[in-house]
Amino acid sequence: MLRVGSIIDHVRLFCAEEVELWKKITMIGSVAVCGVLLNWMAGEHHHMHKPPPYPYLKIRNKPLPWGDGTKDLLDVRDTYVDDHDDHH
């Protein structure tokens, strides 16, 4: 007949082995994910192309209170690449 103490020792040993296994899996997985992310970030960067000029997006009834009055607060038009531009 098994003693309760031997069962508890077996469970503790099993849990310690599982903890070590998952530590190794976590370390290997995190290194793999970092490698994939670094490879992805070091790859070719694609630039956004200028969206079509929808007339209803930039309706101005009066000038905006900052800058020259024509740009939004978060205007990102300078970050777009023209379709005929050869820079990639």
Protein backbone atom coordinates (compact mmCIF):
# COMPACT_ATOMS: atom_id res chain seq x y z
CA MET A 1 0.00 0.00 0.00
CA LEU A 2 1.23 3.49 -0.90
CA ARG A 3 1.89 5.98 1.81
CA VAL A 4 0.48 9.46 1.55
CA GLY A 5 3.97 10.91 1.98
CA SER A 6 5.32 9.02 -1.03
CA ILE A 7 2.43 10.23 -3.19
CA ILE A 8 3.06 13.84 -2.14
CA ASP A 9 6.78 13.44 -2.87
CA HIS A 10 5.93 12.03 -6.30
CA VAL A 11 3.58 14.96 -7.03
CA ARG A 12 6.22 17.49 -5.92
CA LEU A 13 8.83 15.84 -8.15
CA PHE A 14 6.40 15.80 -11.09
CA CYS A 15 5.54 19.48 -10.56
CA ALA A 16 9.23 20.44 -10.33
CA GLU A 17 9.92 18.61 -13.60
CA GLU A 18 6.98 20.34 -15.29
CA VAL A 19 8.16 23.75 -14.08
CA GLU A 20 11.61 23.13 -15.53
CA LEU A 21 10.09 21.92 -18.81
CA TRP A 22 7.95 25.05 -19.17
CA LYS A 23 10.88 27.31 -18.28
CA LYS A 24 12.85 25.76 -21.15
CA ILE A 25 9.87 25.99 -23.52
CA THR A 26 9.37 29.66 -22.58
CA MET A 27 13.03 30.54 -23.10
CA ILE A 28 13.25 28.77 -26.47
CA GLY A 29 9.91 30.26 -27.58
CA SER A 30 10.87 33.79 -26.56
CA VAL A 31 14.20 33.55 -28.40
CA ALA A 32 12.37 32.25 -31.50
CA VAL A 33 9.78 35.05 -31.36
CA CYS A 34 12.50 37.70 -30.93
CA GLY A 35 14.35 36.23 -33.92
CA VAL A 36 11.24 36.34 -36.09
CA LEU A 37 10.46 39.92 -35.04
CA LEU A 38 14.02 41.10 -35.68
CA ASN A 39 13.97 39.46 -39.11
CA TRP A 40 10.62 41.08 -39.89
CA MET A 41 11.76 44.51 -38.71
CA ALA A 42 15.02 44.32 -40.66
CA GLY A 43 13.17 43.49 -43.88
CA GLU A 44 12.01 45.83 -46.60
CA HIS A 45 9.75 48.62 -45.42
CA HIS A 46 6.71 49.47 -47.49
CA HIS A 47 5.54 53.05 -47.65
CA MET A 48 1.95 54.16 -47.65
CA HIS A 49 0.61 55.52 -50.91
CA LYS A 50 -1.40 58.68 -51.08
CA PRO A 51 -5.13 57.97 -50.72
CA PRO A 52 -7.52 59.24 -53.38
CA PRO A 53 -8.57 62.87 -52.83
CA TYR A 54 -12.10 62.45 -51.50
CA PRO A 55 -13.63 65.96 -51.54
CA TYR A 56 -15.74 65.46 -48.41
CA LEU A 57 -12.77 64.65 -46.13
CA LYS A 58 -11.15 68.10 -45.96
CA ILE A 59 -14.06 70.53 -45.90
CA ARG A 60 -12.91 73.81 -44.29
CA ASN A 61 -15.54 76.41 -43.46
CA LYS A 62 -13.06 78.48 -41.46
CA PRO A 63 -9.30 78.22 -40.84
CA LEU A 64 -8.03 76.02 -38.05
CA PRO A 65 -6.53 77.86 -35.04
CA TRP A 66 -2.99 76.40 -35.46
CA GLY A 67 -0.32 76.52 -38.12
CA ASP A 68 -1.36 78.03 -41.41
CA GLY A 69 -5.00 77.06 -40.79
CA THR A 70 -5.16 74.41 -43.51
CA LYS A 71 -3.70 71.36 -41.76
CA ASP A 72 -5.37 69.10 -39.23
CA LEU A 73 -3.83 68.71 -35.81
CA LEU A 74 -2.73 65.19 -36.77
CA ASP A 75 -2.07 65.85 -40.46
CA VAL A 76 0.06 63.08 -41.99
CA ARG A 77 0.04 64.12 -45.63
CA ASP A 78 3.83 64.61 -45.61
CA THR A 79 4.39 60.91 -44.82
CA TYR A 80 2.76 59.64 -48.00
CA VAL A 81 4.72 58.66 -51.08
CA ASP A 82 3.43 59.71 -54.48
CA ASP A 83 2.56 56.87 -56.85
CA HIS A 84 5.04 58.16 -59.43
CA ASP A 85 7.86 58.42 -56.87
CA ASP A 86 10.58 55.77 -57.34
CA HIS A 87 11.71 55.64 -53.68
CA HIS A 88 10.80 52.33 -52.00
